[in-house]
Amino acid sequence: MENRDEWANQLEEAEGKIAEAYAILAALRQELKDAGKKQDANAIGEAVERLARYGRLFQDIRASWDDPDQ
C-alpha cells in the first residue's frame, strides 16, 4: 500500500507537468493557426492530443489502484 501511495503521487506530479505543457502548446497552436502557419499548428496539435491522452491514461491507472475491480 505504501508504494502505491508513492506511485500515485508520482503520477499526479507527472499529470500536473503534462497539464502545464498542454496549456503552453495549446496556446502556441492557436497562435500559429492565427498566424497562418497551418502545418506547424497541426503538428503542435498532434502533440497536444497525445498529452491529453497521457493525462487521461495516468488518471485511469491511479483509479485502477483505488478500485481493485478494474
C-alpha atoms as a PDB file:
ATOM      1  CA  MET A   1       0.000   0.000   0.000  1.00  0.00           C
ATOM      2  CA  GLU A   2       2.842   2.354   0.853  1.00  0.00           C
ATOM      3  CA  ASN A   3       4.368   2.020  -2.617  1.00  0.00           C
ATOM      4  CA  ARG A   4       1.006   2.597  -4.237  1.00  0.00           C
ATOM      5  CA  ASP A   5       0.673   5.972  -2.497  1.00  0.00           C
ATOM      6  CA  GLU A   6       4.147   6.958  -3.649  1.00  0.00           C
ATOM      7  CA  TRP A   7       3.381   5.852  -7.204  1.00  0.00           C
ATOM      8  CA  ALA A   8       0.089   7.740  -7.172  1.00  0.00           C
ATOM      9  CA  ASN A   9       1.907  10.877  -6.026  1.00  0.00           C
ATOM     10  CA  GLN A  10       4.442  10.482  -8.824  1.00  0.00           C
ATOM     11  CA  LEU A  11       1.672  10.074 -11.390  1.00  0.00           C
ATOM     12  CA  GLU A  12      -0.117  13.141 -10.029  1.00  0.00           C
ATOM     13  CA  GLU A  13       3.095  15.140 -10.358  1.00  0.00           C
ATOM     14  CA  ALA A  14       3.512  13.935 -13.937  1.00  0.00           C
ATOM     15  CA  GLU A  15      -0.130  14.818 -14.688  1.00  0.00           C
ATOM     16  CA  GLY A  16       0.499  18.345 -13.429  1.00  0.00           C
ATOM     17  CA  LYS A  17       3.529  18.755 -15.651  1.00  0.00           C
ATOM     18  CA  ILE A  18       1.635  17.343 -18.618  1.00  0.00           C
ATOM     19  CA  ALA A  19      -1.189  19.800 -17.940  1.00  0.00           C
ATOM     20  CA  GLU A  20       1.309  22.686 -17.951  1.00  0.00           C
ATOM     21  CA  ALA A  21       2.834  21.533 -21.240  1.00  0.00           C
ATOM     22  CA  TYR A  22      -0.648  21.014 -22.671  1.00  0.00           C
ATOM     23  CA  ALA A  23      -1.667  24.591 -21.830  1.00  0.00           C
ATOM     24  CA  ILE A  24       1.511  26.067 -23.312  1.00  0.00           C
ATOM     25  CA  LEU A  25       1.300  24.030 -26.504  1.00  0.00           C
ATOM     26  CA  ALA A  26      -2.440  24.603 -26.957  1.00  0.00           C
ATOM     27  CA  ALA A  27      -1.840  28.362 -26.769  1.00  0.00           C
ATOM     28  CA  LEU A  28       1.081  28.091 -29.201  1.00  0.00           C
ATOM     29  CA  ARG A  29      -1.037  26.036 -31.564  1.00  0.00           C
ATOM     30  CA  GLN A  30      -3.694  28.746 -31.604  1.00  0.00           C
ATOM     31  CA  GLU A  31      -1.101  31.465 -32.201  1.00  0.00           C
ATOM     32  CA  LEU A  32       0.365  29.504 -35.103  1.00  0.00           C
ATOM     33  CA  LYS A  33      -3.086  28.900 -36.517  1.00  0.00           C
ATOM     34  CA  ASP A  34      -3.924  32.602 -36.264  1.00  0.00           C
ATOM     35  CA  ALA A  35      -0.621  33.438 -37.983  1.00  0.00           C
ATOM     36  CA  GLY A  36      -1.483  31.197 -40.928  1.00  0.00           C
ATOM     37  CA  LYS A  37       1.043  28.507 -40.039  1.00  0.00           C
ATOM     38  CA  LYS A  38      -1.438  25.690 -40.536  1.00  0.00           C
ATOM     39  CA  GLN A  39       1.113  22.898 -40.986  1.00  0.00           C
ATOM     40  CA  ASP A  40       3.000  23.874 -37.838  1.00  0.00           C
ATOM     41  CA  ALA A  41      -0.264  24.292 -35.910  1.00  0.00           C
ATOM     42  CA  ASN A  42      -1.344  20.808 -36.974  1.00  0.00           C
ATOM     43  CA  ALA A  43       1.968  19.311 -35.846  1.00  0.00           C
ATOM     44  CA  ILE A  44       1.658  21.002 -32.453  1.00  0.00           C
ATOM     45  CA  GLY A  45      -1.967  19.845 -32.358  1.00  0.00           C
ATOM     46  CA  GLU A  46      -0.829  16.232 -32.550  1.00  0.00           C
ATOM     47  CA  ALA A  47       1.380  16.750 -29.511  1.00  0.00           C
ATOM     48  CA  VAL A  48      -1.493  18.440 -27.655  1.00  0.00           C
ATOM     49  CA  GLU A  49      -3.772  15.470 -28.358  1.00  0.00           C
ATOM     50  CA  ARG A  50      -1.129  12.991 -27.188  1.00  0.00           C
ATOM     51  CA  LEU A  51      -0.568  14.902 -23.966  1.00  0.00           C
ATOM     52  CA  ALA A  52      -4.304  14.822 -23.293  1.00  0.00           C
ATOM     53  CA  ARG A  53      -4.333  11.049 -23.833  1.00  0.00           C
ATOM     54  CA  TYR A  54      -1.373  10.569 -21.491  1.00  0.00           C
ATOM     55  CA  GLY A  55      -3.085  12.623 -18.808  1.00  0.00           C
ATOM     56  CA  ARG A  56      -6.234  10.504 -19.071  1.00  0.00           C
ATOM     57  CA  LEU A  57      -4.152   7.321 -19.060  1.00  0.00           C
ATOM     58  CA  PHE A  58      -2.407   8.323 -15.850  1.00  0.00           C
ATOM     59  CA  GLN A  59      -5.764   9.144 -14.234  1.00  0.00           C
ATOM     60  CA  ASP A  60      -7.090   5.738 -15.259  1.00  0.00           C
ATOM     61  CA  ILE A  61      -4.035   3.999 -13.825  1.00  0.00           C
ATOM     62  CA  ARG A  62      -4.423   5.766 -10.489  1.00  0.00           C
ATOM     63  CA  ALA A  63      -8.145   4.965 -10.434  1.00  0.00           C
ATOM     64  CA  SER A  64      -7.399   1.292 -11.065  1.00  0.00           C
ATOM     65  CA  TRP A  65      -5.188   1.232  -7.985  1.00  0.00           C
ATOM     66  CA  ASP A  66      -8.048   2.579  -5.879  1.00  0.00           C
ATOM     67  CA  ASP A  67     -10.615   0.178  -7.363  1.00  0.00           C
ATOM     68  CA  PRO A  68      -9.336  -3.420  -7.384  1.00  0.00           C
ATOM     69  CA  ASP A  69     -12.223  -4.497  -9.670  1.00  0.00           C
ATOM     70  CA  GLN A  70     -10.771  -2.554 -12.606  1.00  0.00           C
END
